[in-house]
Amino acid sequence: MNGHVQFEVTRNGNDIEFRIADNGIGIPEVEQVKLFEPFHRASNTGRIEGTGLGLSIVKSYVDAHHGQIEFTSKEGEGTSFTVTISCAGR
């Protein structure tokens, strides 16, 4: 597999943004609504190992820090996640 992952961290005022993007298999559009549900695995993961817990755990950590997680994905092209955490008052 010739995949690439890009990781960026930026600060915008009191916010820290983490952006993680890949050029992998992407997430089928109809399954994106379930992306953060525990044990959900997209139908196109095939033999890729996993439990379907990773993104639900990430979402719970982001929520615990009153942050926000957003993503864009296109099947066959890749996925990009942006996590924003505010550092105001910390």
PDB file of N, CA and C in Angstrom:
ATOM      1  N   MET A   1       0.848  -1.178   0.000  1.00  0.00           N
ATOM      2  CA  MET A   1       0.000   0.000   0.000  1.00  0.00           C
ATOM      3  C   MET A   1       0.890   1.237   0.000  1.00  0.00           C
ATOM      4  N   ASN A   2       0.603   2.184  -0.862  1.00  0.00           N
ATOM      5  CA  ASN A   2       1.398   3.407  -0.981  1.00  0.00           C
ATOM      6  C   ASN A   2       0.665   4.597  -0.394  1.00  0.00           C
ATOM      7  N   GLY A   3       0.094   4.438   0.770  1.00  0.00           N
ATOM      8  CA  GLY A   3      -0.670   5.509   1.395  1.00  0.00           C
ATOM      9  C   GLY A   3       0.217   6.567   2.021  1.00  0.00           C
ATOM     10  N   HIS A   4      -0.326   7.747   2.112  1.00  0.00           N
ATOM     11  CA  HIS A   4       0.347   8.867   2.760  1.00  0.00           C
ATOM     12  C   HIS A   4      -0.572   9.443   3.818  1.00  0.00           C
ATOM     13  N   VAL A   5       0.013   9.828   4.947  1.00  0.00           N
ATOM     14  CA  VAL A   5      -0.724  10.484   6.011  1.00  0.00           C
ATOM     15  C   VAL A   5      -0.034  11.808   6.294  1.00  0.00           C
ATOM     16  N   GLN A   6      -0.833  12.854   6.377  1.00  0.00           N
ATOM     17  CA  GLN A   6      -0.300  14.180   6.660  1.00  0.00           C
ATOM     18  C   GLN A   6      -0.871  14.625   8.005  1.00  0.00           C
ATOM     19  N   PHE A   7      -0.010  15.179   8.863  1.00  0.00           N
ATOM     20  CA  PHE A   7      -0.435  15.641  10.178  1.00  0.00           C
ATOM     21  C   PHE A   7       0.033  17.081  10.343  1.00  0.00           C
ATOM     22  N   GLU A   8      -0.887  17.964  10.688  1.00  0.00           N
ATOM     23  CA  GLU A   8      -0.563  19.378  10.886  1.00  0.00           C
ATOM     24  C   GLU A   8      -1.150  19.844  12.211  1.00  0.00           C
ATOM     25  N   VAL A   9      -0.431  20.720  12.889  1.00  0.00           N
ATOM     26  CA  VAL A   9      -0.928  21.346  14.104  1.00  0.00           C
ATOM     27  C   VAL A   9      -0.788  22.845  13.913  1.00  0.00           C
ATOM     28  N   THR A  10      -1.869  23.569  14.160  1.00  0.00           N
ATOM     29  CA  THR A  10      -1.825  25.024  14.057  1.00  0.00           C
ATOM     30  C   THR A  10      -2.533  25.631  15.253  1.00  0.00           C
ATOM     31  N   ARG A  11      -2.174  26.867  15.535  1.00  0.00           N
ATOM     32  CA  ARG A  11      -2.844  27.613  16.598  1.00  0.00           C
ATOM     33  C   ARG A  11      -3.533  28.807  15.969  1.00  0.00           C
ATOM     34  N   ASN A  12      -4.790  28.982  16.327  1.00  0.00           N
ATOM     35  CA  ASN A  12      -5.580  30.086  15.827  1.00  0.00           C
ATOM     36  C   ASN A  12      -6.190  30.789  17.034  1.00  0.00           C
ATOM     37  N   GLY A  13      -5.542  31.825  17.516  1.00  0.00           N
ATOM     38  CA  GLY A  13      -6.002  32.484  18.742  1.00  0.00           C
ATOM     39  C   GLY A  13      -5.888  31.533  19.911  1.00  0.00           C
ATOM     40  N   ASN A  14      -7.018  31.265  20.558  1.00  0.00           N
ATOM     41  CA  ASN A  14      -7.035  30.346  21.699  1.00  0.00           C
ATOM     42  C   ASN A  14      -7.289  28.901  21.299  1.00  0.00           C
ATOM     43  N   ASP A  15      -7.411  28.642  20.010  1.00  0.00           N
ATOM     44  CA  ASP A  15      -7.714  27.293  19.536  1.00  0.00           C
ATOM     45  C   ASP A  15      -6.476  26.594  18.979  1.00  0.00           C
ATOM     46  N   ILE A  16      -6.391  25.313  19.272  1.00  0.00           N
ATOM     47  CA  ILE A  16      -5.369  24.448  18.670  1.00  0.00           C
ATOM     48  C   ILE A  16      -6.107  23.534  17.700  1.00  0.00           C
ATOM     49  N   GLU A  17      -5.602  23.441  16.489  1.00  0.00           N
ATOM     50  CA  GLU A  17      -6.205  22.579  15.477  1.00  0.00           C
ATOM     51  C   GLU A  17      -5.234  21.488  15.068  1.00  0.00           C
ATOM     52  N   PHE A  18      -5.734  20.260  15.065  1.00  0.00           N
ATOM     53  CA  PHE A  18      -4.982  19.111  14.579  1.00  0.00           C
ATOM     54  C   PHE A  18      -5.668  18.666  13.292  1.00  0.00           C
ATOM     55  N   ARG A  19      -4.916  18.517  12.237  1.00  0.00           N
ATOM     56  CA  ARG A  19      -5.498  18.037  10.980  1.00  0.00           C
ATOM     57  C   ARG A  19      -4.739  16.792  10.551  1.00  0.00           C
ATOM     58  N   ILE A  20      -5.477  15.723  10.339  1.00  0.00           N
ATOM     59  CA  ILE A  20      -4.908  14.454   9.904  1.00  0.00           C
ATOM     60  C   ILE A  20      -5.598  14.083   8.601  1.00  0.00           C
ATOM     61  N   ALA A  21      -4.817  13.890   7.543  1.00  0.00           N
ATOM     62  CA  ALA A  21      -5.401  13.576   6.238  1.00  0.00           C
ATOM     63  C   ALA A  21      -4.652  12.409   5.619  1.00  0.00           C
ATOM     64  N   ASP A  22      -5.377  11.578   4.887  1.00  0.00           N
ATOM     65  CA  ASP A  22      -4.742  10.472   4.181  1.00  0.00           C
ATOM     66  C   ASP A  22      -5.300  10.362   2.774  1.00  0.00           C
ATOM     67  N   ASN A  23      -4.647   9.560   1.984  1.00  0.00           N
ATOM     68  CA  ASN A  23      -5.118   9.304   0.618  1.00  0.00           C
ATOM     69  C   ASN A  23      -5.554   7.844   0.499  1.00  0.00           C
ATOM     70  N   GLY A  24      -6.184   7.363   1.569  1.00  0.00           N
ATOM     71  CA  GLY A  24      -6.576   5.956   1.640  1.00  0.00           C
ATOM     72  C   GLY A  24      -7.886   5.644   0.941  1.00  0.00           C
ATOM     73  N   ILE A  25      -8.579   4.638   1.450  1.00  0.00           N
ATOM     74  CA  ILE A  25      -9.778   4.101   0.797  1.00  0.00           C
ATOM     75  C   ILE A  25     -10.995   5.004   0.947  1.00  0.00           C
ATOM     76  N   GLY A  26     -10.962   5.938   1.873  1.00  0.00           N
ATOM     77  CA  GLY A  26     -12.108   6.801   2.104  1.00  0.00           C
ATOM     78  C   GLY A  26     -13.248   6.064   2.771  1.00  0.00           C
ATOM     79  N   ILE A  27     -14.271   6.815   3.128  1.00  0.00           N
ATOM     80  CA  ILE A  27     -15.424   6.259   3.834  1.00  0.00           C
ATOM     81  C   ILE A  27     -16.646   6.420   2.935  1.00  0.00           C
ATOM     82  N   PRO A  28     -17.360   5.338   2.658  1.00  0.00           N
ATOM     83  CA  PRO A  28     -18.555   5.459   1.822  1.00  0.00           C
ATOM     84  C   PRO A  28     -19.521   6.501   2.405  1.00  0.00           C
ATOM     85  N   GLU A  29     -20.062   7.333   1.542  1.00  0.00           N
ATOM     86  CA  GLU A  29     -20.915   8.442   1.990  1.00  0.00           C
ATOM     87  C   GLU A  29     -22.085   7.978   2.854  1.00  0.00           C
ATOM     88  N   VAL A  30     -22.726   6.882   2.493  1.00  0.00           N
ATOM     89  CA  VAL A  30     -23.891   6.419   3.249  1.00  0.00           C
ATOM     90  C   VAL A  30     -23.526   5.941   4.652  1.00  0.00           C
ATOM     91  N   GLU A  31     -22.269   5.648   4.898  1.00  0.00           N
ATOM     92  CA  GLU A  31     -21.836   5.153   6.209  1.00  0.00           C
ATOM     93  C   GLU A  31     -21.227   6.240   7.092  1.00  0.00           C
ATOM     94  N   GLN A  32     -21.071   7.423   6.562  1.00  0.00           N
ATOM     95  CA  GLN A  32     -20.413   8.489   7.311  1.00  0.00           C
ATOM     96  C   GLN A  32     -21.192   8.914   8.548  1.00  0.00           C
ATOM     97  N   VAL A  33     -22.512   8.762   8.536  1.00  0.00           N
ATOM     98  CA  VAL A  33     -23.324   9.144   9.703  1.00  0.00           C
ATOM     99  C   VAL A  33     -23.042   8.258  10.919  1.00  0.00           C
ATOM    100  N   LYS A  34     -22.510   7.067  10.701  1.00  0.00           N
ATOM    101  CA  LYS A  34     -22.223   6.134  11.790  1.00  0.00           C
ATOM    102  C   LYS A  34     -20.745   6.119  12.184  1.00  0.00           C
ATOM    103  N   LEU A  35     -19.973   7.022  11.632  1.00  0.00           N
ATOM    104  CA  LEU A  35     -18.521   6.976  11.769  1.00  0.00           C
ATOM    105  C   LEU A  35     -18.025   6.934  13.207  1.00  0.00           C
ATOM    106  N   PHE A  36     -18.679   7.650  14.108  1.00  0.00           N
ATOM    107  CA  PHE A  36     -18.199   7.731  15.492  1.00  0.00           C
ATOM    108  C   PHE A  36     -18.910   6.756  16.430  1.00  0.00           C
ATOM    109  N   GLU A  37     -19.725   5.867  15.887  1.00  0.00           N
ATOM    110  CA  GLU A  37     -20.403   4.863  16.703  1.00  0.00           C
ATOM    111  C   GLU A  37     -19.441   3.728  17.050  1.00  0.00           C
ATOM    112  N   PRO A  38     -19.454   3.275  18.322  1.00  0.00           N
ATOM    113  CA  PRO A  38     -18.578   2.167  18.710  1.00  0.00           C
ATOM    114  C   PRO A  38     -18.847   0.916  17.877  1.00  0.00           C
ATOM    115  N   PHE A  39     -17.794   0.263  17.496  1.00  0.00           N
ATOM    116  CA  PHE A  39     -17.793  -1.006  16.765  1.00  0.00           C
ATOM    117  C   PHE A  39     -18.264  -0.898  15.316  1.00  0.00           C
ATOM    118  N   HIS A  40     -18.517   0.309  14.834  1.00  0.00           N
ATOM    119  CA  HIS A  40     -18.904   0.440  13.431  1.00  0.00           C
ATOM    120  C   HIS A  40     -17.658   0.410  12.554  1.00  0.00           C
ATOM    121  N   ARG A  41     -17.705  -0.423  11.525  1.00  0.00           N
ATOM    122  CA  ARG A  41     -16.634  -0.489  10.535  1.00  0.00           C
ATOM    123  C   ARG A  41     -17.260  -0.340   9.164  1.00  0.00           C
ATOM    124  N   ALA A  42     -16.654   0.490   8.346  1.00  0.00           N
ATOM    125  CA  ALA A  42     -17.199   0.721   7.005  1.00  0.00           C
ATOM    126  C   ALA A  42     -17.139  -0.569   6.189  1.00  0.00           C
ATOM    127  N   SER A  43     -18.046  -0.681   5.268  1.00  0.00           N
ATOM    128  CA  SER A  43     -18.152  -1.894   4.454  1.00  0.00           C
ATOM    129  C   SER A  43     -16.963  -2.090   3.518  1.00  0.00           C
ATOM    130  N   ASN A  44     -16.211  -1.036   3.258  1.00  0.00           N
ATOM    131  CA  ASN A  44     -15.082  -1.159   2.332  1.00  0.00           C
ATOM    132  C   ASN A  44     -13.749  -1.434   3.019  1.00  0.00           C
ATOM    133  N   THR A  45     -13.770  -1.781   4.305  1.00  0.00           N
ATOM    134  CA  THR A  45     -12.509  -2.032   5.008  1.00  0.00           C
ATOM    135  C   THR A  45     -11.905  -3.387   4.685  1.00  0.00           C
ATOM    136  N   GLY A  46     -12.709  -4.288   4.146  1.00  0.00           N
ATOM    137  CA  GLY A  46     -12.184  -5.583   3.709  1.00  0.00           C
ATOM    138  C   GLY A  46     -11.397  -6.288   4.788  1.00  0.00           C
ATOM    139  N   ARG A  47     -10.141  -6.601   4.481  1.00  0.00           N
ATOM    140  CA  ARG A  47      -9.291  -7.346   5.422  1.00  0.00           C
ATOM    141  C   ARG A  47      -8.447  -6.443   6.312  1.00  0.00           C
ATOM    142  N   ILE A  48      -8.704  -5.149   6.289  1.00  0.00           N
ATOM    143  CA  ILE A  48      -7.985  -4.236   7.171  1.00  0.00           C
ATOM    144  C   ILE A  48      -8.422  -4.540   8.601  1.00  0.00           C
ATOM    145  N   GLU A  49      -7.462  -4.793   9.465  1.00  0.00           N
ATOM    146  CA  GLU A  49      -7.781  -5.138  10.849  1.00  0.00           C
ATOM    147  C   GLU A  49      -8.308  -3.940  11.619  1.00  0.00           C
ATOM    148  N   GLY A  50      -9.118  -4.195  12.611  1.00  0.00           N
ATOM    149  CA  GLY A  50      -9.634  -3.151  13.483  1.00  0.00           C
ATOM    150  C   GLY A  50     -10.875  -3.604  14.209  1.00  0.00           C
ATOM    151  N   THR A  51     -11.221  -2.844  15.249  1.00  0.00           N
ATOM    152  CA  THR A  51     -12.385  -3.175  16.067  1.00  0.00           C
ATOM    153  C   THR A  51     -13.544  -2.210  15.861  1.00  0.00           C
ATOM    154  N   GLY A  52     -13.282  -1.074  15.240  1.00  0.00           N
ATOM    155  CA  GLY A  52     -14.315  -0.060  15.101  1.00  0.00           C
ATOM    156  C   GLY A  52     -14.453   0.799  16.341  1.00  0.00           C
ATOM    157  N   LEU A  53     -13.441   0.784  17.200  1.00  0.00           N
ATOM    158  CA  LEU A  53     -13.494   1.586  18.429  1.00  0.00           C
ATOM    159  C   LEU A  53     -12.682   2.875  18.347  1.00  0.00           C
ATOM    160  N   GLY A  54     -11.713   2.947  17.475  1.00  0.00           N
ATOM    161  CA  GLY A  54     -10.777   4.076  17.451  1.00  0.00           C
ATOM    162  C   GLY A  54     -11.429   5.435  17.373  1.00  0.00           C
ATOM    163  N   LEU A  55     -12.290   5.651  16.399  1.00  0.00           N
ATOM    164  CA  LEU A  55     -12.886   6.975  16.232  1.00  0.00           C
ATOM    165  C   LEU A  55     -13.902   7.301  17.316  1.00  0.00           C
ATOM    166  N   SER A  56     -14.569   6.298  17.875  1.00  0.00           N
ATOM    167  CA  SER A  56     -15.496   6.586  18.980  1.00  0.00           C
ATOM    168  C   SER A  56     -14.706   7.011  20.221  1.00  0.00           C
ATOM    169  N   ILE A  57     -13.531   6.441  20.423  1.00  0.00           N
ATOM    170  CA  ILE A  57     -12.678   6.844  21.548  1.00  0.00           C
ATOM    171  C   ILE A  57     -12.158   8.259  21.322  1.00  0.00           C
ATOM    172  N   VAL A  58     -11.678   8.543  20.119  1.00  0.00           N
ATOM    173  CA  VAL A  58     -11.208   9.900  19.802  1.00  0.00           C
ATOM    174  C   VAL A  58     -12.321  10.912  20.049  1.00  0.00           C
ATOM    175  N   LYS A  59     -13.531  10.601  19.574  1.00  0.00           N
ATOM    176  CA  LYS A  59     -14.668  11.522  19.750  1.00  0.00           C
ATOM    177  C   LYS A  59     -14.951  11.753  21.227  1.00  0.00           C
ATOM    178  N   SER A  60     -14.868  10.718  22.049  1.00  0.00           N
ATOM    179  CA  SER A  60     -15.134  10.898  23.486  1.00  0.00           C
ATOM    180  C   SER A  60     -14.066  11.783  24.130  1.00  0.00           C
ATOM    181  N   TYR A  61     -12.806  11.663  23.710  1.00  0.00           N
ATOM    182  CA  TYR A  61     -11.739  12.530  24.224  1.00  0.00           C
ATOM    183  C   TYR A  61     -11.959  13.975  23.795  1.00  0.00           C
ATOM    184  N   VAL A  62     -12.303  14.172  22.539  1.00  0.00           N
ATOM    185  CA  VAL A  62     -12.564  15.526  22.034  1.00  0.00           C
ATOM    186  C   VAL A  62     -13.741  16.142  22.787  1.00  0.00           C
ATOM    187  N   ASP A  63     -14.809  15.390  22.974  1.00  0.00           N
ATOM    188  CA  ASP A  63     -15.973  15.879  23.720  1.00  0.00           C
ATOM    189  C   ASP A  63     -15.599  16.221  25.163  1.00  0.00           C
ATOM    190  N   ALA A  64     -14.767  15.405  25.791  1.00  0.00           N
ATOM    191  CA  ALA A  64     -14.356  15.648  27.174  1.00  0.00           C
ATOM    192  C   ALA A  64     -13.589  16.962  27.317  1.00  0.00           C
ATOM    193  N   HIS A  65     -12.949  17.399  26.247  1.00  0.00           N
ATOM    194  CA  HIS A  65     -12.205  18.664  26.248  1.00  0.00           C
ATOM    195  C   HIS A  65     -13.011  19.795  25.611  1.00  0.00           C
ATOM    196  N   HIS A  66     -14.307  19.563  25.441  1.00  0.00           N
ATOM    197  CA  HIS A  66     -15.230  20.550  24.855  1.00  0.00           C
ATOM    198  C   HIS A  66     -14.746  21.006  23.486  1.00  0.00           C
ATOM    199  N   GLY A  67     -14.190  20.070  22.754  1.00  0.00           N
ATOM    200  CA  GLY A  67     -13.679  20.366  21.418  1.00  0.00           C
ATOM    201  C   GLY A  67     -14.661  19.963  20.345  1.00  0.00           C
ATOM    202  N   GLN A  68     -14.146  19.961  19.147  1.00  0.00           N
ATOM    203  CA  GLN A  68     -14.968  19.670  17.978  1.00  0.00           C
ATOM    204  C   GLN A  68     -14.153  18.817  17.022  1.00  0.00           C
ATOM    205  N   ILE A  69     -14.800  17.865  16.380  1.00  0.00           N
ATOM    206  CA  ILE A  69     -14.150  17.052  15.364  1.00  0.00           C
ATOM    207  C   ILE A  69     -15.018  17.073  14.106  1.00  0.00           C
ATOM    208  N   GLU A  70     -14.369  17.332  12.995  1.00  0.00           N
ATOM    209  CA  GLU A  70     -15.049  17.364  11.705  1.00  0.00           C
ATOM    210  C   GLU A  70     -14.252  16.525  10.725  1.00  0.00           C
ATOM    211  N   PHE A  71     -14.903  16.071   9.673  1.00  0.00           N
ATOM    212  CA  PHE A  71     -14.184  15.294   8.674  1.00  0.00           C
ATOM    213  C   PHE A  71     -14.811  15.473   7.310  1.00  0.00           C
ATOM    214  N   THR A  72     -14.006  15.202   6.317  1.00  0.00           N
ATOM    215  CA  THR A  72     -14.476  15.071   4.944  1.00  0.00           C
ATOM    216  C   THR A  72     -13.864  13.789   4.411  1.00  0.00           C
ATOM    217  N   SER A  73     -14.608  13.114   3.562  1.00  0.00           N
ATOM    218  CA  SER A  73     -14.101  11.873   3.011  1.00  0.00           C
ATOM    219  C   SER A  73     -14.760  11.599   1.674  1.00  0.00           C
ATOM    220  N   LYS A  74     -13.988  11.021   0.806  1.00  0.00           N
ATOM    221  CA  LYS A  74     -14.519  10.584  -0.479  1.00  0.00           C
ATOM    222  C   LYS A  74     -13.950   9.199  -0.749  1.00  0.00           C
ATOM    223  N   GLU A  75     -14.839   8.273  -0.975  1.00  0.00           N
ATOM    224  CA  GLU A  75     -14.420   6.894  -1.198  1.00  0.00           C
ATOM    225  C   GLU A  75     -13.433   6.822  -2.359  1.00  0.00           C
ATOM    226  N   GLY A  76     -12.341   6.121  -2.121  1.00  0.00           N
ATOM    227  CA  GLY A  76     -11.298   5.961  -3.130  1.00  0.00           C
ATOM    228  C   GLY A  76     -10.294   7.099  -3.185  1.00  0.00           C
ATOM    229  N   GLU A  77     -10.520   8.161  -2.404  1.00  0.00           N
ATOM    230  CA  GLU A  77      -9.608   9.311  -2.443  1.00  0.00           C
ATOM    231  C   GLU A  77      -8.978   9.639  -1.104  1.00  0.00           C
ATOM    232  N   GLY A  78      -9.655   9.317  -0.009  1.00  0.00           N
ATOM    233  CA  GLY A  78      -9.072   9.577   1.297  1.00  0.00           C
ATOM    234  C   GLY A  78     -10.003  10.319   2.232  1.00  0.00           C
ATOM    235  N   THR A  79      -9.463  10.603   3.411  1.00  0.00           N
ATOM    236  CA  THR A  79     -10.229  11.214   4.488  1.00  0.00           C
ATOM    237  C   THR A  79      -9.369  12.252   5.183  1.00  0.00           C
ATOM    238  N   SER A  80     -10.025  13.303   5.664  1.00  0.00           N
ATOM    239  CA  SER A  80      -9.350  14.360   6.411  1.00  0.00           C
ATOM    240  C   SER A  80     -10.154  14.643   7.675  1.00  0.00           C
ATOM    241  N   PHE A  81      -9.489  14.618   8.825  1.00  0.00           N
ATOM    242  CA  PHE A  81     -10.111  14.949  10.103  1.00  0.00           C
ATOM    243  C   PHE A  81      -9.491  16.228  10.637  1.00  0.00           C
ATOM    244  N   THR A  82     -10.326  17.091  11.205  1.00  0.00           N
ATOM    245  CA  THR A  82      -9.842  18.289  11.880  1.00  0.00           C
ATOM    246  C   THR A  82     -10.411  18.290  13.291  1.00  0.00           C
ATOM    247  N   VAL A  83      -9.518  18.361  14.275  1.00  0.00           N
ATOM    248  CA  VAL A  83      -9.897  18.418  15.680  1.00  0.00           C
ATOM    249  C   VAL A  83      -9.526  19.795  16.190  1.00  0.00           C
ATOM    250  N   THR A  84     -10.486  20.471  16.804  1.00  0.00           N
ATOM    251  CA  THR A  84     -10.244  21.804  17.368  1.00  0.00           C
ATOM    252  C   THR A  84     -10.506  21.757  18.860  1.00  0.00           C
ATOM    253  N   ILE A  85      -9.519  22.218  19.622  1.00  0.00           N
ATOM    254  CA  ILE A  85      -9.619  22.278  21.079  1.00  0.00           C
ATOM    255  C   ILE A  85      -9.299  23.715  21.487  1.00  0.00           C
ATOM    256  N   SER A  86     -10.139  24.291  22.328  1.00  0.00           N
ATOM    257  CA  SER A  86      -9.896  25.645  22.799  1.00  0.00           C
ATOM    258  C   SER A  86      -8.992  25.605  24.019  1.00  0.00           C
ATOM    259  N   CYS A  87      -8.025  26.510  24.048  1.00  0.00           N
ATOM    260  CA  CYS A  87      -7.104  26.608  25.184  1.00  0.00           C
ATOM    261  C   CYS A  87      -7.461  27.798  26.067  1.00  0.00           C
ATOM    262  N   ALA A  88      -8.562  28.475  25.768  1.00  0.00           N
ATOM    263  CA  ALA A  88      -8.971  29.636  26.538  1.00  0.00           C
ATOM    264  C   ALA A  88      -9.250  29.242  27.983  1.00  0.00           C
ATOM    265  N   GLY A  89      -8.719  30.002  28.904  1.00  0.00           N
ATOM    266  CA  GLY A  89      -8.972  29.762  30.311  1.00  0.00           C
ATOM    267  C   GLY A  89      -8.263  28.568  30.895  1.00  0.00           C
ATOM    268  N   ARG A  90      -7.259  28.053  30.211  1.00  0.00           N
ATOM    269  CA  ARG A  90      -6.538  26.878  30.723  1.00  0.00           C
ATOM    270  C   ARG A  90      -5.134  27.249  31.093  1.00  0.00           C
TER     271      ARG A  90
END
